Amino acid sequence: LSKEAREKAEAELKKLRSMSPMSAESTVVRNYLDWLLSIPWGKNSKVKQDLNYAQDVLDADHFGLDKVKERIVEY
């Protein structure tokens, strides 16, 4: 976990400990913590940085939306 994620998880865990286990909010907090811990922290995927390929995929999959596609390719 990153430092920020660890701090957030610890704060949520502290909050969970003070709640009734049967409360609706405790279910939400438990689900959030489960989700947070299921993220593959420290694993990176290879990013394709070929902008021409990205433009081709956008053109093939999305008709129109030229300004939106242009903004996506800018970033």
C-alpha atoms as a PDB file:
ATOM      1  CA  LEU A   1       0.000   0.000   0.000  1.00  0.00           C
ATOM      2  CA  SER A   2       1.052   3.543  -0.572  1.00  0.00           C
ATOM      3  CA  LYS A   3       1.491   5.788   2.448  1.00  0.00           C
ATOM      4  CA  GLU A   4      -1.796   7.585   1.756  1.00  0.00           C
ATOM      5  CA  ALA A   5      -3.704   4.330   1.236  1.00  0.00           C
ATOM      6  CA  ARG A   6      -2.260   2.838   4.413  1.00  0.00           C
ATOM      7  CA  GLU A   7      -3.252   5.926   6.419  1.00  0.00           C
ATOM      8  CA  LYS A   8      -6.772   5.833   4.980  1.00  0.00           C
ATOM      9  CA  ALA A   9      -7.086   2.093   5.676  1.00  0.00           C
ATOM     10  CA  GLU A  10      -5.929   2.551   9.265  1.00  0.00           C
ATOM     11  CA  ALA A  11      -8.420   5.384   9.789  1.00  0.00           C
ATOM     12  CA  GLU A  12     -11.247   3.277   8.362  1.00  0.00           C
ATOM     13  CA  LEU A  13     -10.227   0.292  10.489  1.00  0.00           C
ATOM     14  CA  LYS A  14     -10.223   2.464  13.604  1.00  0.00           C
ATOM     15  CA  LYS A  15     -13.680   3.732  12.675  1.00  0.00           C
ATOM     16  CA  LEU A  16     -14.867   0.149  12.066  1.00  0.00           C
ATOM     17  CA  ARG A  17     -13.683  -0.979  15.497  1.00  0.00           C
ATOM     18  CA  SER A  18     -15.888   1.621  17.171  1.00  0.00           C
ATOM     19  CA  MET A  19     -19.024   0.614  15.218  1.00  0.00           C
ATOM     20  CA  SER A  20     -21.589  -2.008  15.944  1.00  0.00           C
ATOM     21  CA  PRO A  21     -20.866  -5.058  13.732  1.00  0.00           C
ATOM     22  CA  MET A  22     -24.516  -5.130  12.679  1.00  0.00           C
ATOM     23  CA  SER A  23     -24.714  -1.517  11.506  1.00  0.00           C
ATOM     24  CA  ALA A  24     -25.148  -0.765   7.819  1.00  0.00           C
ATOM     25  CA  GLU A  25     -22.170   1.576   7.844  1.00  0.00           C
ATOM     26  CA  SER A  26     -19.878  -1.138   9.187  1.00  0.00           C
ATOM     27  CA  THR A  27     -20.769  -3.249   6.145  1.00  0.00           C
ATOM     28  CA  VAL A  28     -19.840  -0.355   3.875  1.00  0.00           C
ATOM     29  CA  VAL A  29     -16.511   0.149   5.664  1.00  0.00           C
ATOM     30  CA  ARG A  30     -15.711  -3.585   5.557  1.00  0.00           C
ATOM     31  CA  ASN A  31     -16.475  -3.692   1.825  1.00  0.00           C
ATOM     32  CA  TYR A  32     -14.269  -0.639   1.281  1.00  0.00           C
ATOM     33  CA  LEU A  33     -11.388  -2.225   3.190  1.00  0.00           C
ATOM     34  CA  ASP A  34     -11.818  -5.509   1.291  1.00  0.00           C
ATOM     35  CA  TRP A  35     -11.745  -3.597  -1.984  1.00  0.00           C
ATOM     36  CA  LEU A  36      -8.710  -1.577  -0.887  1.00  0.00           C
ATOM     37  CA  LEU A  37      -6.784  -4.705   0.063  1.00  0.00           C
ATOM     38  CA  SER A  38      -7.712  -6.513  -3.162  1.00  0.00           C
ATOM     39  CA  ILE A  39      -5.892  -3.945  -5.306  1.00  0.00           C
ATOM     40  CA  PRO A  40      -2.582  -5.358  -6.572  1.00  0.00           C
ATOM     41  CA  TRP A  41      -0.387  -2.697  -4.943  1.00  0.00           C
ATOM     42  CA  GLY A  42       3.140  -2.568  -6.321  1.00  0.00           C
ATOM     43  CA  LYS A  43       2.265  -4.348  -9.567  1.00  0.00           C
ATOM     44  CA  ASN A  44       2.434  -2.306 -12.731  1.00  0.00           C
ATOM     45  CA  SER A  45       1.159  -3.098 -16.174  1.00  0.00           C
ATOM     46  CA  LYS A  46       2.941  -2.151 -19.345  1.00  0.00           C
ATOM     47  CA  VAL A  47       1.444   0.984 -20.829  1.00  0.00           C
ATOM     48  CA  LYS A  48       1.249   1.283 -24.568  1.00  0.00           C
ATOM     49  CA  GLN A  49       2.348   4.779 -25.423  1.00  0.00           C
ATOM     50  CA  ASP A  50       1.709   4.602 -29.143  1.00  0.00           C
ATOM     51  CA  LEU A  51      -0.622   7.536 -29.741  1.00  0.00           C
ATOM     52  CA  ASN A  52      -1.329   6.519 -33.320  1.00  0.00           C
ATOM     53  CA  TYR A  53      -2.552   3.132 -32.079  1.00  0.00           C
ATOM     54  CA  ALA A  54      -4.695   4.846 -29.440  1.00  0.00           C
ATOM     55  CA  GLN A  55      -6.212   7.100 -32.091  1.00  0.00           C
ATOM     56  CA  ASP A  56      -6.945   4.083 -34.326  1.00  0.00           C
ATOM     57  CA  VAL A  57      -8.676   2.241 -31.468  1.00  0.00           C
ATOM     58  CA  LEU A  58     -10.774   5.283 -30.602  1.00  0.00           C
ATOM     59  CA  ASP A  59     -11.748   5.803 -34.241  1.00  0.00           C
ATOM     60  CA  ALA A  60     -12.686   2.141 -34.672  1.00  0.00           C
ATOM     61  CA  ASP A  61     -14.712   1.857 -31.468  1.00  0.00           C
ATOM     62  CA  HIS A  62     -16.363   5.289 -31.192  1.00  0.00           C
ATOM     63  CA  PHE A  63     -18.163   6.996 -34.066  1.00  0.00           C
ATOM     64  CA  GLY A  64     -17.983  10.772 -33.994  1.00  0.00           C
ATOM     65  CA  LEU A  65     -16.926  12.343 -30.698  1.00  0.00           C
ATOM     66  CA  ASP A  66     -13.961  13.930 -32.448  1.00  0.00           C
ATOM     67  CA  LYS A  67     -13.329  16.606 -29.808  1.00  0.00           C
ATOM     68  CA  VAL A  68     -13.500  14.055 -26.993  1.00  0.00           C
ATOM     69  CA  LYS A  69     -11.109  11.693 -28.788  1.00  0.00           C
ATOM     70  CA  GLU A  70      -8.755  14.586 -29.461  1.00  0.00           C
ATOM     71  CA  ARG A  71      -8.665  15.438 -25.741  1.00  0.00           C
ATOM     72  CA  ILE A  72      -7.972  11.813 -24.821  1.00  0.00           C
ATOM     73  CA  VAL A  73      -5.039  11.575 -27.227  1.00  0.00           C
ATOM     74  CA  GLU A  74      -3.646  14.888 -25.930  1.00  0.00           C
ATOM     75  CA  TYR A  75      -3.124  13.280 -22.535  1.00  0.00           C
END
